[in-house]
Amino acid sequence: METSEAPPRWLPFVVLGIGLLAISFGAILARFAQAYGLPSLTIATLRLGIAAVLITPIALWQSGRVLRTLSARQLLLTCGAGFFLALHFATWITSLEYTSVASSTALVTTNLLWVGIASFILFGEKPSRLMAVGIVISLSGSLLIFWSDSRNSVAGSDPLLGNFLAIVGSWCFSAYLLIGRRLRANLPLPAYVWLAYGSASLFLLLACQASATPLGGYAGAAYLLALGMALGPQLLGHTAYNWSLKHVSATFIAVVTLGEPVGSALLAWLFFAESFALLQGVGFVLLLAGIYLAARGEGR
């Protein structure tokens, strides 16, 4: 429970650091789960499903009355947000089967750019000059990553497919954010998180049934990894970001999220000995620099 008393000045930065570390482990835990034979669709379903179950008591306790009086419009928005969140995790986790952790996480975190473009096309929200420059630089970085991976593909992998799936995952997360922004306006955080995670896990469960993808029959360690993804990246990581929104600017948090691909790339180098080519590294720098400029432009 939060109090009205302001926390120490340093605390939000510590919380953000913990959240960033937790989220950076998402791709690593997913890779380990894939090594135990868990299909990507199963990983996504378990991650969101376990997270929804764990958050249920808090949501019912703090927001039970709100949940019992949801309007038809809110239920429709919930279905839309859950659908795109489910697609986000299904495509992004699948991308890890085909491309490097560094490329996947760098491309899937470009949602700030797509939200800016979609807001301009759909709502007429003209981006600032700084944001426009950031979008161009980031897209240039993305193209360099695609080009570098196409020239340095590893036998048995398909980095172009993996990179494309990561981009699709970013598009889906952008749609989730745009819908969630409207839904979140009239819902407390526990209710919103429970509805989003719960509806997304139901869509993924239906996808598992339709594709005959089993949820059971795997090693116990695989389920521990799924539990770790639900507790760490999903609940601890995202909750840390949401808590910090009350104490630091959204722009600063957007900039902090740029550390995710860096953290994930370092962890992938440590656990999987994944390195990256020079052009790929230049692409990362351009991508992160562009998103930083776009975040600054959005803040202004």
Protein backbone atom coordinates (compact mmCIF):
# COMPACT_ATOMS: atom_id res chain seq x y z
CA MET A 1 0.00 0.00 0.00
CA GLU A 2 1.25 3.45 -0.88
CA THR A 3 1.27 6.29 1.62
CA SER A 4 0.80 9.98 0.97
CA GLU A 5 4.23 10.64 2.43
CA ALA A 6 6.89 11.26 -0.20
CA PRO A 7 9.61 8.57 -0.34
CA PRO A 8 13.32 9.42 -0.06
CA ARG A 9 14.64 11.07 -3.23
CA TRP A 10 16.86 8.10 -4.07
CA LEU A 11 14.19 5.41 -3.67
CA PRO A 12 12.44 5.75 -7.09
CA PHE A 13 15.82 5.40 -8.83
CA VAL A 14 16.58 2.21 -6.87
CA VAL A 15 13.11 0.83 -7.64
CA LEU A 16 13.57 1.62 -11.33
CA GLY A 17 16.95 -0.12 -11.30
CA ILE A 18 15.40 -3.24 -9.78
CA GLY A 19 12.57 -3.12 -12.30
CA LEU A 20 15.00 -2.74 -15.19
CA LEU A 21 17.06 -5.73 -14.03
CA ALA A 22 13.93 -7.85 -13.62
CA ILE A 23 12.64 -7.00 -17.10
CA SER A 24 16.06 -7.58 -18.67
CA PHE A 25 15.88 -11.19 -17.46
CA GLY A 26 12.66 -11.78 -19.45
CA ALA A 27 14.38 -12.84 -22.68
CA ILE A 28 16.99 -14.89 -20.81
CA LEU A 29 14.37 -16.88 -18.86
CA ALA A 30 12.36 -17.40 -22.06
CA ARG A 31 15.46 -18.76 -23.83
CA PHE A 32 16.11 -21.19 -20.96
CA ALA A 33 12.46 -22.30 -21.03
CA GLN A 34 12.72 -22.93 -24.79
CA ALA A 35 15.81 -25.04 -24.12
CA TYR A 36 13.65 -27.23 -21.84
CA GLY A 37 11.26 -27.81 -24.74
CA LEU A 38 8.52 -25.31 -23.89
CA PRO A 39 6.89 -23.95 -27.07
CA SER A 40 6.91 -20.17 -27.29
CA LEU A 41 3.10 -20.04 -27.17
CA THR A 42 3.13 -22.09 -23.96
CA ILE A 43 5.73 -19.77 -22.41
CA ALA A 44 3.63 -16.70 -23.21
CA THR A 45 0.47 -18.34 -21.84
CA LEU A 46 2.11 -19.43 -18.60
CA ARG A 47 3.85 -16.09 -18.05
CA LEU A 48 0.66 -14.06 -18.31
CA GLY A 49 -1.63 -16.69 -16.79
CA ILE A 50 0.46 -17.12 -13.65
CA ALA A 51 0.82 -13.35 -13.31
CA ALA A 52 -2.97 -12.93 -13.60
CA VAL A 53 -3.59 -15.59 -10.94
CA LEU A 54 -1.06 -14.03 -8.56
CA ILE A 55 -2.55 -10.54 -8.92
CA THR A 56 -6.17 -11.74 -8.49
CA PRO A 57 -6.41 -11.41 -4.67
CA ILE A 58 -5.00 -7.87 -4.75
CA ALA A 59 -7.29 -6.84 -7.62
CA LEU A 60 -10.41 -8.23 -5.92
CA TRP A 61 -9.43 -6.73 -2.56
CA GLN A 62 -8.60 -3.24 -3.78
CA SER A 63 -10.83 -2.95 -6.86
CA GLY A 64 -13.59 -5.51 -6.44
CA ARG A 65 -16.38 -2.92 -6.58
CA VAL A 66 -14.97 -1.37 -9.77
CA LEU A 67 -14.65 -4.76 -11.43
CA ARG A 68 -18.29 -5.61 -10.64
CA THR A 69 -19.54 -2.43 -12.34
CA LEU A 70 -17.58 -2.51 -15.60
CA SER A 71 -19.41 -1.00 -18.56
CA ALA A 72 -19.81 -2.70 -21.95
CA ARG A 73 -17.31 -0.22 -23.40
CA GLN A 74 -14.72 -1.09 -20.74
CA LEU A 75 -15.20 -4.80 -21.40
CA LEU A 76 -14.75 -4.24 -25.13
CA LEU A 77 -11.56 -2.22 -24.54
CA THR A 78 -10.34 -4.95 -22.20
CA CYS A 79 -10.75 -7.55 -24.93
CA GLY A 80 -8.87 -5.34 -27.38
CA ALA A 81 -6.02 -4.64 -24.96
CA GLY A 82 -5.76 -8.32 -23.99
CA PHE A 83 -5.77 -9.42 -27.63
CA PHE A 84 -2.85 -7.18 -28.58
CA LEU A 85 -0.93 -7.97 -25.37
CA ALA A 86 -1.30 -11.68 -26.16
CA LEU A 87 -0.03 -11.12 -29.71
CA HIS A 88 2.88 -9.08 -28.35
CA PHE A 89 4.18 -11.87 -26.14
CA ALA A 90 3.45 -14.63 -28.65
CA THR A 91 5.40 -12.91 -31.44
CA TRP A 92 8.23 -11.55 -29.29
CA ILE A 93 8.96 -14.81 -27.44
CA THR A 94 8.81 -16.69 -30.75
CA SER A 95 11.35 -14.22 -32.18
CA LEU A 96 13.89 -15.49 -29.64
CA GLU A 97 13.90 -18.84 -31.46
CA TYR A 98 15.29 -17.21 -34.61
CA THR A 99 17.39 -14.17 -33.72
CA SER A 100 19.73 -12.98 -31.00
CA VAL A 101 18.52 -11.73 -27.64
CA ALA A 102 20.17 -8.37 -28.35
CA SER A 103 18.38 -7.82 -31.67
CA SER A 104 15.04 -9.09 -30.38
CA THR A 105 14.96 -6.90 -27.27
CA ALA A 106 16.28 -3.85 -29.13
CA LEU A 107 13.56 -4.07 -31.77
CA VAL A 108 10.68 -5.00 -29.46
CA THR A 109 11.29 -1.92 -27.29
CA THR A 110 10.70 0.52 -30.17
CA ASN A 111 7.05 0.98 -29.13
CA LEU A 112 7.57 4.66 -28.25
CA LEU A 113 8.24 5.34 -31.94
CA TRP A 114 5.19 3.43 -33.19
CA VAL A 115 2.93 5.05 -30.59
CA GLY A 116 4.14 8.46 -31.80
CA ILE A 117 3.47 7.56 -35.44
CA ALA A 118 0.06 6.02 -34.66
CA SER A 119 -0.95 9.01 -32.54
CA PHE A 120 -0.18 11.28 -35.50
CA ILE A 121 -2.08 9.12 -38.02
CA LEU A 122 -5.07 8.25 -35.82
CA PHE A 123 -5.45 11.28 -33.56
CA GLY A 124 -3.66 14.05 -35.45
CA GLU A 125 -1.13 14.54 -32.62
CA LYS A 126 1.74 16.19 -34.46
CA PRO A 127 5.14 15.02 -33.15
CA SER A 128 7.71 17.60 -32.12
CA ARG A 129 10.74 18.18 -34.32
CA LEU A 130 12.94 16.37 -31.79
CA MET A 131 10.62 13.36 -31.76
CA ALA A 132 10.56 13.28 -35.58
CA VAL A 133 14.38 13.30 -35.67
CA GLY A 134 14.44 10.53 -33.06
CA ILE A 135 12.03 8.39 -35.10
CA VAL A 136 14.18 8.73 -38.24
CA ILE A 137 17.39 7.87 -36.35
CA SER A 138 15.76 4.87 -34.63
CA LEU A 139 14.36 3.51 -37.86
CA SER A 140 17.85 3.84 -39.37
CA GLY A 141 19.23 1.82 -36.47
CA SER A 142 16.56 -0.84 -36.97
CA LEU A 143 17.46 -1.14 -40.66
CA LEU A 144 21.15 -1.55 -39.75
CA ILE A 145 20.28 -4.36 -37.33
CA PHE A 146 18.23 -6.10 -40.04
CA TRP A 147 21.03 -5.69 -42.59
CA SER A 148 23.76 -6.85 -40.22
CA ASP A 149 21.78 -9.93 -39.13
CA SER A 150 21.04 -10.85 -42.76
CA ARG A 151 24.80 -10.92 -43.44
CA ASN A 152 25.77 -12.77 -40.27
CA SER A 153 23.05 -15.37 -39.88
CA VAL A 154 23.93 -18.51 -37.95
CA ALA A 155 23.24 -21.89 -39.54
CA GLY A 156 19.79 -23.14 -38.51
CA SER A 157 18.54 -19.69 -37.50
CA ASP A 158 16.48 -17.13 -39.38
CA PRO A 159 17.40 -13.69 -37.98
CA LEU A 160 15.31 -11.76 -40.50
CA LEU A 161 12.19 -13.68 -39.46
CA GLY A 162 13.11 -13.24 -35.78
CA ASN A 163 13.69 -9.51 -36.21
CA PHE A 164 10.40 -9.13 -38.07
CA LEU A 165 8.53 -10.98 -35.30
CA ALA A 166 10.14 -8.67 -32.73
CA ILE A 167 8.97 -5.63 -34.70
CA VAL A 168 5.46 -7.11 -34.92
CA GLY A 169 5.62 -7.62 -31.16
CA SER A 170 6.45 -3.94 -30.77
CA TRP A 171 3.52 -2.94 -33.02
CA CYS A 172 1.17 -5.10 -30.94
CA PHE A 173 2.46 -3.61 -27.69
CA SER A 174 1.94 -0.14 -29.12
CA ALA A 175 -1.69 -1.00 -29.90
CA TYR A 176 -2.03 -2.36 -26.37
CA LEU A 177 -0.70 0.92 -24.95
CA LEU A 178 -3.03 3.06 -27.07
CA ILE A 179 -6.09 1.04 -26.02
CA GLY A 180 -4.88 0.71 -22.44
CA ARG A 181 -4.45 4.49 -22.14
CA ARG A 182 -8.21 4.91 -22.59
CA LEU A 183 -9.06 1.96 -20.35
CA ARG A 184 -6.65 2.98 -17.60
CA ALA A 185 -8.17 6.48 -17.37
CA ASN A 186 -11.13 5.18 -15.33
CA LEU A 187 -9.63 2.09 -13.71
CA PRO A 188 -7.30 1.71 -10.71
CA LEU A 189 -3.99 0.00 -11.45
CA PRO A 190 -4.73 -3.43 -9.84
CA ALA A 191 -8.01 -3.74 -11.78
CA TYR A 192 -6.39 -2.70 -15.05
CA VAL A 193 -3.41 -5.06 -14.67
CA TRP A 194 -5.67 -7.98 -13.73
CA LEU A 195 -7.99 -7.38 -16.66
CA ALA A 196 -5.13 -6.94 -19.15
CA TYR A 197 -3.12 -9.96 -18.03
CA GLY A 198 -6.20 -12.12 -17.51
CA SER A 199 -7.79 -11.40 -20.89
CA ALA A 200 -4.44 -11.81 -22.68
CA SER A 201 -3.86 -15.20 -21.02
CA LEU A 202 -7.35 -16.34 -22.11
CA PHE A 203 -6.60 -15.41 -25.73
CA LEU A 204 -3.31 -17.29 -25.51
CA LEU A 205 -5.05 -20.29 -23.95
CA LEU A 206 -7.48 -20.35 -26.89
CA ALA A 207 -4.52 -20.16 -29.28
CA CYS A 208 -2.91 -23.13 -27.52
CA GLN A 209 -6.14 -25.12 -27.86
CA ALA A 210 -6.56 -24.19 -31.53
CA SER A 211 -2.96 -25.10 -32.39
CA ALA A 212 -2.87 -28.22 -30.16
CA THR A 213 0.02 -26.72 -28.19
CA PRO A 214 0.22 -28.56 -24.84
CA LEU A 215 0.54 -26.72 -21.54
CA GLY A 216 1.51 -29.81 -19.53
CA GLY A 217 4.02 -32.62 -19.65
CA TYR A 218 7.25 -30.65 -19.34
CA ALA A 219 10.09 -30.77 -16.82
CA GLY A 220 9.54 -29.14 -13.43
CA ALA A 221 12.42 -26.74 -14.11
CA ALA A 222 10.53 -25.39 -17.13
CA TYR A 223 7.56 -24.45 -14.95
CA LEU A 224 9.88 -22.83 -12.42
CA LEU A 225 11.24 -20.68 -15.23
CA ALA A 226 7.68 -19.72 -16.23
CA LEU A 227 6.98 -18.81 -12.59
CA GLY A 228 10.16 -16.74 -12.57
CA MET A 229 9.01 -14.84 -15.67
CA ALA A 230 5.64 -14.10 -14.06
CA LEU A 231 7.16 -12.97 -10.76
CA GLY A 232 10.18 -11.12 -12.13
CA PRO A 233 9.76 -9.38 -15.51
CA GLN A 234 5.94 -9.37 -15.48
CA LEU A 235 5.00 -8.41 -11.92
CA LEU A 236 8.13 -7.01 -10.28
CA GLY A 237 9.49 -5.24 -13.37
CA HIS A 238 6.32 -3.63 -14.67
CA THR A 239 5.02 -2.85 -11.17
CA ALA A 240 8.26 -1.03 -10.39
CA TYR A 241 7.78 1.15 -13.47
CA ASN A 242 4.14 1.84 -12.63
CA TRP A 243 4.95 2.73 -9.00
CA SER A 244 7.73 5.08 -10.11
CA LEU A 245 5.36 7.01 -12.38
CA LYS A 246 4.05 8.77 -9.27
CA HIS A 247 7.50 10.04 -8.31
CA VAL A 248 9.44 10.68 -11.55
CA SER A 249 8.45 11.82 -15.03
CA ALA A 250 7.09 9.43 -17.65
CA THR A 251 9.81 10.68 -20.00
CA PHE A 252 12.52 9.65 -17.55
CA ILE A 253 10.97 6.19 -17.25
CA ALA A 254 10.81 5.94 -21.05
CA VAL A 255 14.53 6.67 -21.14
CA VAL A 256 15.21 4.10 -18.39
CA THR A 257 13.51 1.43 -20.49
CA LEU A 258 16.26 1.92 -23.07
CA GLY A 259 18.46 -0.04 -20.68
CA GLU A 260 16.46 -3.23 -21.29
CA PRO A 261 18.10 -4.25 -24.59
CA VAL A 262 21.50 -3.32 -23.15
CA GLY A 263 20.91 -5.36 -20.00
CA SER A 264 19.48 -8.29 -21.95
CA ALA A 265 22.41 -8.22 -24.41
CA LEU A 266 24.93 -8.30 -21.53
CA LEU A 267 23.07 -11.17 -19.86
CA ALA A 268 22.90 -13.05 -23.18
CA TRP A 269 26.65 -12.61 -23.57
CA LEU A 270 27.13 -13.94 -20.03
CA PHE A 271 24.75 -16.93 -20.25
CA PHE A 272 24.77 -17.81 -23.97
CA ALA A 273 28.07 -16.31 -25.19
CA GLU A 274 26.13 -14.21 -27.71
CA SER A 275 28.22 -11.49 -29.32
CA PHE A 276 27.23 -9.00 -32.01
CA ALA A 277 28.80 -7.63 -35.17
CA LEU A 278 30.06 -4.08 -35.58
CA LEU A 279 27.16 -2.96 -37.80
CA GLN A 280 24.70 -4.52 -35.36
CA GLY A 281 26.33 -2.57 -32.52
CA VAL A 282 26.09 0.67 -34.51
CA GLY A 283 22.42 -0.13 -35.12
CA PHE A 284 21.87 -0.56 -31.36
CA VAL A 285 23.47 2.81 -30.64
CA LEU A 286 21.37 4.58 -33.29
CA LEU A 287 18.22 2.85 -32.11
CA LEU A 288 18.71 3.78 -28.45
CA ALA A 289 19.83 7.33 -29.29
CA GLY A 290 16.78 7.83 -31.48
CA ILE A 291 14.37 6.58 -28.82
CA TYR A 292 16.08 8.82 -26.26
CA LEU A 293 15.57 11.85 -28.52
CA ALA A 294 11.96 10.82 -29.16
CA ALA A 295 11.37 10.51 -25.42
CA ARG A 296 12.83 13.98 -24.88
CA GLY A 297 10.63 15.32 -27.64
CA GLU A 298 7.56 13.66 -26.13
CA GLY A 299 8.42 15.15 -22.76
CA ARG A 300 8.55 18.66 -24.23
